[in-house]
Amino acid sequence: MSGGADPQRKEAVKQFGEAVNMTAGEMEKWLGTDESRSAGQSDGSKESVGHASGRRIVHLLRTKEADLTDDDIAHLRKVVGYVHRHLAQRPQGDISDTRWRYSLMNWGHDPAK
């Protein structure tokens, strides 16, 4: 099913836009750093789950809403859920150089913004 008439799709896109506060360009630059590659859980491959998600988020940010597939919408929802859960686990003190922040940034959200 494609198109923008489905209210659940619209809501997923809206929530994604609220959760992801980094641009595609900012994310590409971030994903190229050692800090980005060092954060998050690995699925057994060399790349963390969050880093792989970040690459997909860059693609999704550059995709027109009408062109999003059902699988894309499912990933938008996954991103929103991850960001919300992770924000609730904010550590005490300065978060500038923490794995917590780096992991969130892999998912498109910079809590320092």
PDB file of N, CA and C in Angstrom:
ATOM      1  N   MET A   1       0.844  -1.183   0.000  1.00  0.00           N
ATOM      2  CA  MET A   1       0.000   0.000   0.000  1.00  0.00           C
ATOM      3  C   MET A   1       0.888   1.245   0.000  1.00  0.00           C
ATOM      4  N   SER A   2       0.649   2.132  -0.896  1.00  0.00           N
ATOM      5  CA  SER A   2       1.429   3.364  -0.917  1.00  0.00           C
ATOM      6  C   SER A   2       0.474   4.542  -0.875  1.00  0.00           C
ATOM      7  N   GLY A   3       1.049   5.727  -0.922  1.00  0.00           N
ATOM      8  CA  GLY A   3       0.232   6.923  -0.862  1.00  0.00           C
ATOM      9  C   GLY A   3       0.219   7.482   0.534  1.00  0.00           C
ATOM     10  N   GLY A   4      -0.267   8.719   0.679  1.00  0.00           N
ATOM     11  CA  GLY A   4      -0.190   9.392   1.953  1.00  0.00           C
ATOM     12  C   GLY A   4      -1.501   9.486   2.692  1.00  0.00           C
ATOM     13  N   ALA A   5      -2.563   8.794   2.233  1.00  0.00           N
ATOM     14  CA  ALA A   5      -3.883   8.969   2.828  1.00  0.00           C
ATOM     15  C   ALA A   5      -4.041   8.229   4.154  1.00  0.00           C
ATOM     16  N   ASP A   6      -3.278   7.186   4.388  1.00  0.00           N
ATOM     17  CA  ASP A   6      -3.398   6.376   5.594  1.00  0.00           C
ATOM     18  C   ASP A   6      -2.961   7.175   6.821  1.00  0.00           C
ATOM     19  N   PRO A   7      -3.881   7.403   7.778  1.00  0.00           N
ATOM     20  CA  PRO A   7      -3.520   8.216   8.953  1.00  0.00           C
ATOM     21  C   PRO A   7      -2.400   7.595   9.802  1.00  0.00           C
ATOM     22  N   GLN A   8      -2.304   6.273   9.840  1.00  0.00           N
ATOM     23  CA  GLN A   8      -1.233   5.631  10.614  1.00  0.00           C
ATOM     24  C   GLN A   8       0.134   5.888   9.980  1.00  0.00           C
ATOM     25  N   ARG A   9       0.173   5.894   8.659  1.00  0.00           N
ATOM     26  CA  ARG A   9       1.429   6.224   7.958  1.00  0.00           C
ATOM     27  C   ARG A   9       1.813   7.663   8.247  1.00  0.00           C
ATOM     28  N   LYS A  10       0.841   8.557   8.149  1.00  0.00           N
ATOM     29  CA  LYS A  10       1.094   9.984   8.402  1.00  0.00           C
ATOM     30  C   LYS A  10       1.634  10.183   9.817  1.00  0.00           C
ATOM     31  N   GLU A  11       1.042   9.481  10.778  1.00  0.00           N
ATOM     32  CA  GLU A  11       1.474   9.603  12.176  1.00  0.00           C
ATOM     33  C   GLU A  11       2.901   9.074  12.346  1.00  0.00           C
ATOM     34  N   ALA A  12       3.226   7.969  11.695  1.00  0.00           N
ATOM     35  CA  ALA A  12       4.580   7.415  11.772  1.00  0.00           C
ATOM     36  C   ALA A  12       5.594   8.407  11.211  1.00  0.00           C
ATOM     37  N   VAL A  13       5.264   9.034  10.086  1.00  0.00           N
ATOM     38  CA  VAL A  13       6.152  10.014   9.465  1.00  0.00           C
ATOM     39  C   VAL A  13       6.310  11.233  10.384  1.00  0.00           C
ATOM     40  N   LYS A  14       5.223  11.669  10.989  1.00  0.00           N
ATOM     41  CA  LYS A  14       5.256  12.821  11.902  1.00  0.00           C
ATOM     42  C   LYS A  14       6.143  12.516  13.109  1.00  0.00           C
ATOM     43  N   GLN A  15       5.947  11.357  13.726  1.00  0.00           N
ATOM     44  CA  GLN A  15       6.736  10.995  14.904  1.00  0.00           C
ATOM     45  C   GLN A  15       8.212  10.834  14.558  1.00  0.00           C
ATOM     46  N   PHE A  16       8.495  10.274  13.396  1.00  0.00           N
ATOM     47  CA  PHE A  16       9.871  10.133  12.931  1.00  0.00           C
ATOM     48  C   PHE A  16      10.517  11.516  12.799  1.00  0.00           C
ATOM     49  N   GLY A  17       9.776  12.448  12.217  1.00  0.00           N
ATOM     50  CA  GLY A  17      10.292  13.810  12.054  1.00  0.00           C
ATOM     51  C   GLY A  17      10.562  14.498  13.379  1.00  0.00           C
ATOM     52  N   GLU A  18       9.815  14.144  14.405  1.00  0.00           N
ATOM     53  CA  GLU A  18      10.025  14.715  15.735  1.00  0.00           C
ATOM     54  C   GLU A  18      11.205  14.037  16.445  1.00  0.00           C
ATOM     55  N   ALA A  19      11.378  12.734  16.236  1.00  0.00           N
ATOM     56  CA  ALA A  19      12.433  11.979  16.924  1.00  0.00           C
ATOM     57  C   ALA A  19      13.805  12.210  16.293  1.00  0.00           C
ATOM     58  N   VAL A  20      13.845  12.311  14.976  1.00  0.00           N
ATOM     59  CA  VAL A  20      15.109  12.468  14.250  1.00  0.00           C
ATOM     60  C   VAL A  20      15.376  13.966  14.092  1.00  0.00           C
ATOM     61  N   ASN A  21      16.390  14.456  14.807  1.00  0.00           N
ATOM     62  CA  ASN A  21      16.681  15.893  14.752  1.00  0.00           C
ATOM     63  C   ASN A  21      17.986  16.198  14.010  1.00  0.00           C
ATOM     64  N   MET A  22      18.518  15.192  13.323  1.00  0.00           N
ATOM     65  CA  MET A  22      19.720  15.396  12.515  1.00  0.00           C
ATOM     66  C   MET A  22      19.337  15.345  11.034  1.00  0.00           C
ATOM     67  N   THR A  23      20.032  16.127  10.223  1.00  0.00           N
ATOM     68  CA  THR A  23      19.792  16.100   8.780  1.00  0.00           C
ATOM     69  C   THR A  23      20.530  14.910   8.171  1.00  0.00           C
ATOM     70  N   ALA A  24      20.182  14.584   6.945  1.00  0.00           N
ATOM     71  CA  ALA A  24      20.871  13.500   6.242  1.00  0.00           C
ATOM     72  C   ALA A  24      22.370  13.810   6.147  1.00  0.00           C
ATOM     73  N   GLY A  25      22.728  15.056   5.858  1.00  0.00           N
ATOM     74  CA  GLY A  25      24.131  15.444   5.761  1.00  0.00           C
ATOM     75  C   GLY A  25      24.863  15.319   7.093  1.00  0.00           C
ATOM     76  N   GLU A  26      24.224  15.758   8.173  1.00  0.00           N
ATOM     77  CA  GLU A  26      24.828  15.630   9.505  1.00  0.00           C
ATOM     78  C   GLU A  26      25.047  14.155   9.850  1.00  0.00           C
ATOM     79  N   MET A  27      24.060  13.344   9.514  1.00  0.00           N
ATOM     80  CA  MET A  27      24.164  11.918   9.822  1.00  0.00           C
ATOM     81  C   MET A  27      25.277  11.258   9.018  1.00  0.00           C
ATOM     82  N   GLU A  28      25.378  11.577   7.736  1.00  0.00           N
ATOM     83  CA  GLU A  28      26.447  10.990   6.910  1.00  0.00           C
ATOM     84  C   GLU A  28      27.819  11.325   7.495  1.00  0.00           C
ATOM     85  N   LYS A  29      27.998  12.575   7.883  1.00  0.00           N
ATOM     86  CA  LYS A  29      29.267  13.000   8.470  1.00  0.00           C
ATOM     87  C   LYS A  29      29.513  12.230   9.769  1.00  0.00           C
ATOM     88  N   TRP A  30      28.495  12.149  10.623  1.00  0.00           N
ATOM     89  CA  TRP A  30      28.602  11.445  11.905  1.00  0.00           C
ATOM     90  C   TRP A  30      28.913   9.958  11.700  1.00  0.00           C
ATOM     91  N   LEU A  31      28.223   9.309  10.774  1.00  0.00           N
ATOM     92  CA  LEU A  31      28.396   7.875  10.556  1.00  0.00           C
ATOM     93  C   LEU A  31      29.798   7.519  10.065  1.00  0.00           C
ATOM     94  N   GLY A  32      30.533   8.507   9.573  1.00  0.00           N
ATOM     95  CA  GLY A  32      31.892   8.286   9.126  1.00  0.00           C
ATOM     96  C   GLY A  32      32.931   8.357  10.237  1.00  0.00           C
ATOM     97  N   THR A  33      32.497   8.661  11.464  1.00  0.00           N
ATOM     98  CA  THR A  33      33.445   8.828  12.578  1.00  0.00           C
ATOM     99  C   THR A  33      33.688   7.513  13.318  1.00  0.00           C
ATOM    100  N   ASP A  34      34.842   7.448  13.983  1.00  0.00           N
ATOM    101  CA  ASP A  34      35.151   6.288  14.826  1.00  0.00           C
ATOM    102  C   ASP A  34      34.160   6.177  15.983  1.00  0.00           C
ATOM    103  N   GLU A  35      33.750   7.333  16.540  1.00  0.00           N
ATOM    104  CA  GLU A  35      32.790   7.324  17.651  1.00  0.00           C
ATOM    105  C   GLU A  35      31.482   6.656  17.229  1.00  0.00           C
ATOM    106  N   SER A  36      31.043   6.951  16.028  1.00  0.00           N
ATOM    107  CA  SER A  36      29.803   6.354  15.531  1.00  0.00           C
ATOM    108  C   SER A  36      29.944   4.842  15.407  1.00  0.00           C
ATOM    109  N   ARG A  37      31.051   4.418  14.856  1.00  0.00           N
ATOM    110  CA  ARG A  37      31.254   2.980  14.650  1.00  0.00           C
ATOM    111  C   ARG A  37      31.455   2.222  15.962  1.00  0.00           C
ATOM    112  N   SER A  38      31.903   2.922  17.023  1.00  0.00           N
ATOM    113  CA  SER A  38      32.184   2.250  18.291  1.00  0.00           C
ATOM    114  C   SER A  38      30.944   2.103  19.175  1.00  0.00           C
ATOM    115  N   ALA A  39      29.872   2.814  18.857  1.00  0.00           N
ATOM    116  CA  ALA A  39      28.678   2.813  19.708  1.00  0.00           C
ATOM    117  C   ALA A  39      27.691   1.741  19.271  1.00  0.00           C
ATOM    118  N   GLY A  40      26.960   1.215  20.232  1.00  0.00           N
ATOM    119  CA  GLY A  40      25.851   0.319  19.921  1.00  0.00           C
ATOM    120  C   GLY A  40      26.206  -1.145  19.973  1.00  0.00           C
ATOM    121  N   GLN A  41      25.167  -1.953  19.796  1.00  0.00           N
ATOM    122  CA  GLN A  41      25.301  -3.399  19.871  1.00  0.00           C
ATOM    123  C   GLN A  41      25.520  -3.982  18.481  1.00  0.00           C
ATOM    124  N   SER A  42      26.401  -4.956  18.420  1.00  0.00           N
ATOM    125  CA  SER A  42      26.677  -5.612  17.149  1.00  0.00           C
ATOM    126  C   SER A  42      25.718  -6.779  16.958  1.00  0.00           C
ATOM    127  N   ASP A  43      25.355  -7.025  15.716  1.00  0.00           N
ATOM    128  CA  ASP A  43      24.507  -8.178  15.393  1.00  0.00           C
ATOM    129  C   ASP A  43      25.371  -9.353  14.946  1.00  0.00           C
ATOM    130  N   GLY A  44      26.670  -9.283  15.244  1.00  0.00           N
ATOM    131  CA  GLY A  44      27.588 -10.339  14.834  1.00  0.00           C
ATOM    132  C   GLY A  44      28.433  -9.938  13.635  1.00  0.00           C
ATOM    133  N   SER A  45      27.960  -8.958  12.878  1.00  0.00           N
ATOM    134  CA  SER A  45      28.755  -8.450  11.763  1.00  0.00           C
ATOM    135  C   SER A  45      29.685  -7.369  12.304  1.00  0.00           C
ATOM    136  N   LYS A  46      30.427  -6.747  11.432  1.00  0.00           N
ATOM    137  CA  LYS A  46      31.354  -5.700  11.868  1.00  0.00           C
ATOM    138  C   LYS A  46      30.639  -4.396  12.179  1.00  0.00           C
ATOM    139  N   GLU A  47      29.416  -4.248  11.729  1.00  0.00           N
ATOM    140  CA  GLU A  47      28.678  -3.000  11.905  1.00  0.00           C
ATOM    141  C   GLU A  47      27.622  -3.160  12.994  1.00  0.00           C
ATOM    142  N   SER A  48      27.507  -2.144  13.873  1.00  0.00           N
ATOM    143  CA  SER A  48      26.481  -2.202  14.916  1.00  0.00           C
ATOM    144  C   SER A  48      25.094  -2.047  14.289  1.00  0.00           C
ATOM    145  N   VAL A  49      24.099  -2.494  15.017  1.00  0.00           N
ATOM    146  CA  VAL A  49      22.706  -2.381  14.567  1.00  0.00           C
ATOM    147  C   VAL A  49      22.354  -0.912  14.340  1.00  0.00           C
ATOM    148  N   GLY A  50      22.761  -0.059  15.283  1.00  0.00           N
ATOM    149  CA  GLY A  50      22.461   1.373  15.164  1.00  0.00           C
ATOM    150  C   GLY A  50      23.149   2.025  13.986  1.00  0.00           C
ATOM    151  N   HIS A  51      24.377   1.624  13.707  1.00  0.00           N
ATOM    152  CA  HIS A  51      25.105   2.205  12.577  1.00  0.00           C
ATOM    153  C   HIS A  51      24.412   1.832  11.267  1.00  0.00           C
ATOM    154  N   ALA A  52      23.997   0.583  11.155  1.00  0.00           N
ATOM    155  CA  ALA A  52      23.263   0.151   9.958  1.00  0.00           C
ATOM    156  C   ALA A  52      21.945   0.900   9.850  1.00  0.00           C
ATOM    157  N   SER A  53      21.269   1.080  10.985  1.00  0.00           N
ATOM    158  CA  SER A  53      20.018   1.831  10.986  1.00  0.00           C
ATOM    159  C   SER A  53      20.272   3.269  10.540  1.00  0.00           C
ATOM    160  N   GLY A  54      21.381   3.845  11.001  1.00  0.00           N
ATOM    161  CA  GLY A  54      21.711   5.215  10.617  1.00  0.00           C
ATOM    162  C   GLY A  54      21.856   5.377   9.118  1.00  0.00           C
ATOM    163  N   ARG A  55      22.497   4.403   8.481  1.00  0.00           N
ATOM    164  CA  ARG A  55      22.623   4.468   7.017  1.00  0.00           C
ATOM    165  C   ARG A  55      21.243   4.425   6.370  1.00  0.00           C
ATOM    166  N   ARG A  56      20.357   3.611   6.922  1.00  0.00           N
ATOM    167  CA  ARG A  56      19.003   3.533   6.370  1.00  0.00           C
ATOM    168  C   ARG A  56      18.238   4.836   6.627  1.00  0.00           C
ATOM    169  N   ILE A  57      18.442   5.432   7.793  1.00  0.00           N
ATOM    170  CA  ILE A  57      17.768   6.692   8.115  1.00  0.00           C
ATOM    171  C   ILE A  57      18.187   7.780   7.127  1.00  0.00           C
ATOM    172  N   VAL A  58      19.460   7.829   6.774  1.00  0.00           N
ATOM    173  CA  VAL A  58      19.922   8.806   5.766  1.00  0.00           C
ATOM    174  C   VAL A  58      19.106   8.634   4.487  1.00  0.00           C
ATOM    175  N   HIS A  59      18.952   7.396   4.052  1.00  0.00           N
ATOM    176  CA  HIS A  59      18.167   7.108   2.848  1.00  0.00           C
ATOM    177  C   HIS A  59      16.705   7.554   3.041  1.00  0.00           C
ATOM    178  N   LEU A  60      16.124   7.245   4.195  1.00  0.00           N
ATOM    179  CA  LEU A  60      14.726   7.595   4.452  1.00  0.00           C
ATOM    180  C   LEU A  60      14.518   9.104   4.497  1.00  0.00           C
ATOM    181  N   LEU A  61      15.480   9.822   5.053  1.00  0.00           N
ATOM    182  CA  LEU A  61      15.369  11.288   5.101  1.00  0.00           C
ATOM    183  C   LEU A  61      15.355  11.892   3.701  1.00  0.00           C
ATOM    184  N   ARG A  62      15.929  11.193   2.759  1.00  0.00           N
ATOM    185  CA  ARG A  62      16.004  11.690   1.377  1.00  0.00           C
ATOM    186  C   ARG A  62      14.900  11.122   0.491  1.00  0.00           C
ATOM    187  N   THR A  63      14.012  10.341   1.080  1.00  0.00           N
ATOM    188  CA  THR A  63      12.918   9.725   0.322  1.00  0.00           C
ATOM    189  C   THR A  63      11.639  10.531   0.512  1.00  0.00           C
ATOM    190  N   LYS A  64      10.935  10.784  -0.583  1.00  0.00           N
ATOM    191  CA  LYS A  64       9.653  11.483  -0.487  1.00  0.00           C
ATOM    192  C   LYS A  64       8.672  10.610   0.283  1.00  0.00           C
ATOM    193  N   GLU A  65       7.829  11.260   1.074  1.00  0.00           N
ATOM    194  CA  GLU A  65       6.864  10.519   1.892  1.00  0.00           C
ATOM    195  C   GLU A  65       6.019   9.563   1.046  1.00  0.00           C
ATOM    196  N   ALA A  66       5.598  10.006  -0.115  1.00  0.00           N
ATOM    197  CA  ALA A  66       4.748   9.176  -0.974  1.00  0.00           C
ATOM    198  C   ALA A  66       5.479   7.938  -1.495  1.00  0.00           C
ATOM    199  N   ASP A  67       6.814   7.978  -1.480  1.00  0.00           N
ATOM    200  CA  ASP A  67       7.606   6.859  -1.991  1.00  0.00           C
ATOM    201  C   ASP A  67       8.029   5.866  -0.913  1.00  0.00           C
ATOM    202  N   LEU A  68       7.654   6.124   0.343  1.00  0.00           N
ATOM    203  CA  LEU A  68       8.018   5.220   1.433  1.00  0.00           C
ATOM    204  C   LEU A  68       7.231   3.916   1.316  1.00  0.00           C
ATOM    205  N   THR A  69       7.930   2.799   1.448  1.00  0.00           N
ATOM    206  CA  THR A  69       7.280   1.485   1.408  1.00  0.00           C
ATOM    207  C   THR A  69       6.752   1.133   2.804  1.00  0.00           C
ATOM    208  N   ASP A  70       5.974   0.069   2.881  1.00  0.00           N
ATOM    209  CA  ASP A  70       5.512  -0.403   4.189  1.00  0.00           C
ATOM    210  C   ASP A  70       6.698  -0.780   5.078  1.00  0.00           C
ATOM    211  N   ASP A  71       7.742  -1.358   4.485  1.00  0.00           N
ATOM    212  CA  ASP A  71       8.945  -1.705   5.235  1.00  0.00           C
ATOM    213  C   ASP A  71       9.639  -0.442   5.763  1.00  0.00           C
ATOM    214  N   ASP A  72       9.647   0.611   4.950  1.00  0.00           N
ATOM    215  CA  ASP A  72      10.212   1.892   5.389  1.00  0.00           C
ATOM    216  C   ASP A  72       9.432   2.438   6.584  1.00  0.00           C
ATOM    217  N   ILE A  73       8.115   2.385   6.505  1.00  0.00           N
ATOM    218  CA  ILE A  73       7.264   2.876   7.598  1.00  0.00           C
ATOM    219  C   ILE A  73       7.532   2.073   8.868  1.00  0.00           C
ATOM    220  N   ALA A  74       7.712   0.778   8.729  1.00  0.00           N
ATOM    221  CA  ALA A  74       8.036  -0.054   9.895  1.00  0.00           C
ATOM    222  C   ALA A  74       9.364   0.398  10.502  1.00  0.00           C
ATOM    223  N   HIS A  75      10.336   0.760   9.665  1.00  0.00           N
ATOM    224  CA  HIS A  75      11.622   1.227  10.200  1.00  0.00           C
ATOM    225  C   HIS A  75      11.459   2.589  10.871  1.00  0.00           C
ATOM    226  N   LEU A  76      10.635   3.456  10.319  1.00  0.00           N
ATOM    227  CA  LEU A  76      10.377   4.752  10.963  1.00  0.00           C
ATOM    228  C   LEU A  76       9.882   4.513  12.387  1.00  0.00           C
ATOM    229  N   ARG A  77       8.949   3.580  12.526  1.00  0.00           N
ATOM    230  CA  ARG A  77       8.392   3.268  13.851  1.00  0.00           C
ATOM    231  C   ARG A  77       9.461   2.699  14.781  1.00  0.00           C
ATOM    232  N   LYS A  78      10.330   1.859  14.241  1.00  0.00           N
ATOM    233  CA  LYS A  78      11.416   1.273  15.037  1.00  0.00           C
ATOM    234  C   LYS A  78      12.339   2.383  15.553  1.00  0.00           C
ATOM    235  N   VAL A  79      12.655   3.337  14.693  1.00  0.00           N
ATOM    236  CA  VAL A  79      13.521   4.458  15.069  1.00  0.00           C
ATOM    237  C   VAL A  79      12.871   5.269  16.195  1.00  0.00           C
ATOM    238  N   VAL A  80      11.603   5.589  16.036  1.00  0.00           N
ATOM    239  CA  VAL A  80      10.886   6.371  17.056  1.00  0.00           C
ATOM    240  C   VAL A  80      10.910   5.636  18.394  1.00  0.00           C
ATOM    241  N   GLY A  81      10.612   4.342  18.378  1.00  0.00           N
ATOM    242  CA  GLY A  81      10.618   3.553  19.602  1.00  0.00           C
ATOM    243  C   GLY A  81      11.981   3.539  20.262  1.00  0.00           C
ATOM    244  N   TYR A  82      13.037   3.353  19.453  1.00  0.00           N
ATOM    245  CA  TYR A  82      14.394   3.322  19.996  1.00  0.00           C
ATOM    246  C   TYR A  82      14.745   4.662  20.639  1.00  0.00           C
ATOM    247  N   VAL A  83      14.499   5.746  19.925  1.00  0.00           N
ATOM    248  CA  VAL A  83      14.854   7.081  20.439  1.00  0.00           C
ATOM    249  C   VAL A  83      14.119   7.347  21.747  1.00  0.00           C
ATOM    250  N   HIS A  84      12.819   7.060  21.792  1.00  0.00           N
ATOM    251  CA  HIS A  84      12.050   7.309  23.020  1.00  0.00           C
ATOM    252  C   HIS A  84      12.562   6.469  24.187  1.00  0.00           C
ATOM    253  N   ARG A  85      12.819   5.182  23.956  1.00  0.00           N
ATOM    254  CA  ARG A  85      13.332   4.314  25.027  1.00  0.00           C
ATOM    255  C   ARG A  85      14.698   4.782  25.505  1.00  0.00           C
ATOM    256  N   HIS A  86      15.556   5.130  24.564  1.00  0.00           N
ATOM    257  CA  HIS A  86      16.919   5.512  24.913  1.00  0.00           C
ATOM    258  C   HIS A  86      16.957   6.853  25.651  1.00  0.00           C
ATOM    259  N   LEU A  87      16.118   7.791  25.248  1.00  0.00           N
ATOM    260  CA  LEU A  87      16.073   9.093  25.929  1.00  0.00           C
ATOM    261  C   LEU A  87      15.676   8.930  27.395  1.00  0.00           C
ATOM    262  N   ALA A  88      14.848   7.944  27.682  1.00  0.00           N
ATOM    263  CA  ALA A  88      14.401   7.695  29.059  1.00  0.00           C
ATOM    264  C   ALA A  88      15.544   7.170  29.934  1.00  0.00           C
ATOM    265  N   GLN A  89      16.640   6.747  29.323  1.00  0.00           N
ATOM    266  CA  GLN A  89      17.784   6.188  30.058  1.00  0.00           C
ATOM    267  C   GLN A  89      18.942   7.187  30.145  1.00  0.00           C
ATOM    268  N   ARG A  90      18.639   8.468  30.017  1.00  0.00           N
ATOM    269  CA  ARG A  90      19.680   9.501  30.018  1.00  0.00           C
ATOM    270  C   ARG A  90      20.548   9.407  31.275  1.00  0.00           C
ATOM    271  N   PRO A  91      21.873   9.359  31.093  1.00  0.00           N
ATOM    272  CA  PRO A  91      22.764   9.304  32.255  1.00  0.00           C
ATOM    273  C   PRO A  91      22.885  10.673  32.928  1.00  0.00           C
ATOM    274  N   GLN A  92      23.387  10.665  34.145  1.00  0.00           N
ATOM    275  CA  GLN A  92      23.637  11.904  34.873  1.00  0.00           C
ATOM    276  C   GLN A  92      24.844  12.626  34.278  1.00  0.00           C
ATOM    277  N   GLY A  93      24.884  13.924  34.472  1.00  0.00           N
ATOM    278  CA  GLY A  93      26.073  14.695  34.117  1.00  0.00           C
ATOM    279  C   GLY A  93      26.162  15.051  32.647  1.00  0.00           C
ATOM    280  N   ASP A  94      27.365  15.409  32.256  1.00  0.00           N
ATOM    281  CA  ASP A  94      27.653  15.851  30.895  1.00  0.00           C
ATOM    282  C   ASP A  94      27.559  14.662  29.933  1.00  0.00           C
ATOM    283  N   ILE A  95      26.726  14.799  28.926  1.00  0.00           N
ATOM    284  CA  ILE A  95      26.503  13.697  27.978  1.00  0.00           C
ATOM    285  C   ILE A  95      27.288  13.885  26.679  1.00  0.00           C
ATOM    286  N   SER A  96      28.105  14.930  26.603  1.00  0.00           N
ATOM    287  CA  SER A  96      28.781  15.279  25.344  1.00  0.00           C
ATOM    288  C   SER A  96      29.525  14.117  24.707  1.00  0.00           C
ATOM    289  N   ASP A  97      30.366  13.441  25.481  1.00  0.00           N
ATOM    290  CA  ASP A  97      31.212  12.384  24.937  1.00  0.00           C
ATOM    291  C   ASP A  97      30.865  11.033  25.546  1.00  0.00           C
ATOM    292  N   THR A  98      29.600  10.657  25.435  1.00  0.00           N
ATOM    293  CA  THR A  98      29.160   9.384  26.013  1.00  0.00           C
ATOM    294  C   THR A  98      28.689   8.431  24.923  1.00  0.00           C
ATOM    295  N   ARG A  99      28.847   7.137  25.193  1.00  0.00           N
ATOM    296  CA  ARG A  99      28.331   6.122  24.266  1.00  0.00           C
ATOM    297  C   ARG A  99      26.817   6.267  24.141  1.00  0.00           C
ATOM    298  N   TRP A 100      26.149   6.710  25.207  1.00  0.00           N
ATOM    299  CA  TRP A 100      24.701   6.915  25.181  1.00  0.00           C
ATOM    300  C   TRP A 100      24.335   7.910  24.088  1.00  0.00           C
ATOM    301  N   ARG A 101      25.026   9.048  24.067  1.00  0.00           N
ATOM    302  CA  ARG A 101      24.759  10.062  23.042  1.00  0.00           C
ATOM    303  C   ARG A 101      25.121   9.530  21.660  1.00  0.00           C
ATOM    304  N   TYR A 102      26.286   8.880  21.553  1.00  0.00           N
ATOM    305  CA  TYR A 102      26.727   8.376  20.253  1.00  0.00           C
ATOM    306  C   TYR A 102      25.739   7.359  19.684  1.00  0.00           C
ATOM    307  N   SER A 103      25.214   6.513  20.556  1.00  0.00           N
ATOM    308  CA  SER A 103      24.241   5.519  20.103  1.00  0.00           C
ATOM    309  C   SER A 103      22.982   6.208  19.583  1.00  0.00           C
ATOM    310  N   LEU A 104      22.491   7.196  20.311  1.00  0.00           N
ATOM    311  CA  LEU A 104      21.314   7.943  19.848  1.00  0.00           C
ATOM    312  C   LEU A 104      21.589   8.638  18.512  1.00  0.00           C
ATOM    313  N   MET A 105      22.779   9.178  18.374  1.00  0.00           N
ATOM    314  CA  MET A 105      23.102   9.863  17.119  1.00  0.00           C
ATOM    315  C   MET A 105      23.119   8.889  15.948  1.00  0.00           C
ATOM    316  N   ASN A 106      23.513   7.638  16.180  1.00  0.00           N
ATOM    317  CA  ASN A 106      23.441   6.637  15.118  1.00  0.00           C
ATOM    318  C   ASN A 106      22.005   6.438  14.653  1.00  0.00           C
ATOM    319  N   TRP A 107      21.055   6.711  15.542  1.00  0.00           N
ATOM    320  CA  TRP A 107      19.629   6.562  15.225  1.00  0.00           C
ATOM    321  C   TRP A 107      19.000   7.900  14.826  1.00  0.00           C
ATOM    322  N   GLY A 108      19.840   8.927  14.600  1.00  0.00           N
ATOM    323  CA  GLY A 108      19.354  10.194  14.045  1.00  0.00           C
ATOM    324  C   GLY A 108      18.957  11.242  15.050  1.00  0.00           C
ATOM    325  N   HIS A 109      19.221  11.000  16.328  1.00  0.00           N
ATOM    326  CA  HIS A 109      18.833  11.985  17.350  1.00  0.00           C
ATOM    327  C   HIS A 109      20.064  12.418  18.145  1.00  0.00           C
ATOM    328  N   ASP A 110      20.362  13.714  18.098  1.00  0.00           N
ATOM    329  CA  ASP A 110      21.460  14.267  18.898  1.00  0.00           C
ATOM    330  C   ASP A 110      20.860  14.947  20.124  1.00  0.00           C
ATOM    331  N   PRO A 111      20.977  14.325  21.314  1.00  0.00           N
ATOM    332  CA  PRO A 111      20.377  14.919  22.510  1.00  0.00           C
ATOM    333  C   PRO A 111      21.055  16.211  22.961  1.00  0.00           C
ATOM    334  N   ALA A 112      22.203  16.530  22.385  1.00  0.00           N
ATOM    335  CA  ALA A 112      22.893  17.769  22.728  1.00  0.00           C
ATOM    336  C   ALA A 112      22.390  18.959  21.897  1.00  0.00           C
ATOM    337  N   LYS A 113      21.523  18.695  20.941  1.00  0.00           N
ATOM    338  CA  LYS A 113      20.986  19.775  20.095  1.00  0.00           C
ATOM    339  C   LYS A 113      19.935  20.562  20.851  1.00  0.00           C
TER     340      LYS A 113
END
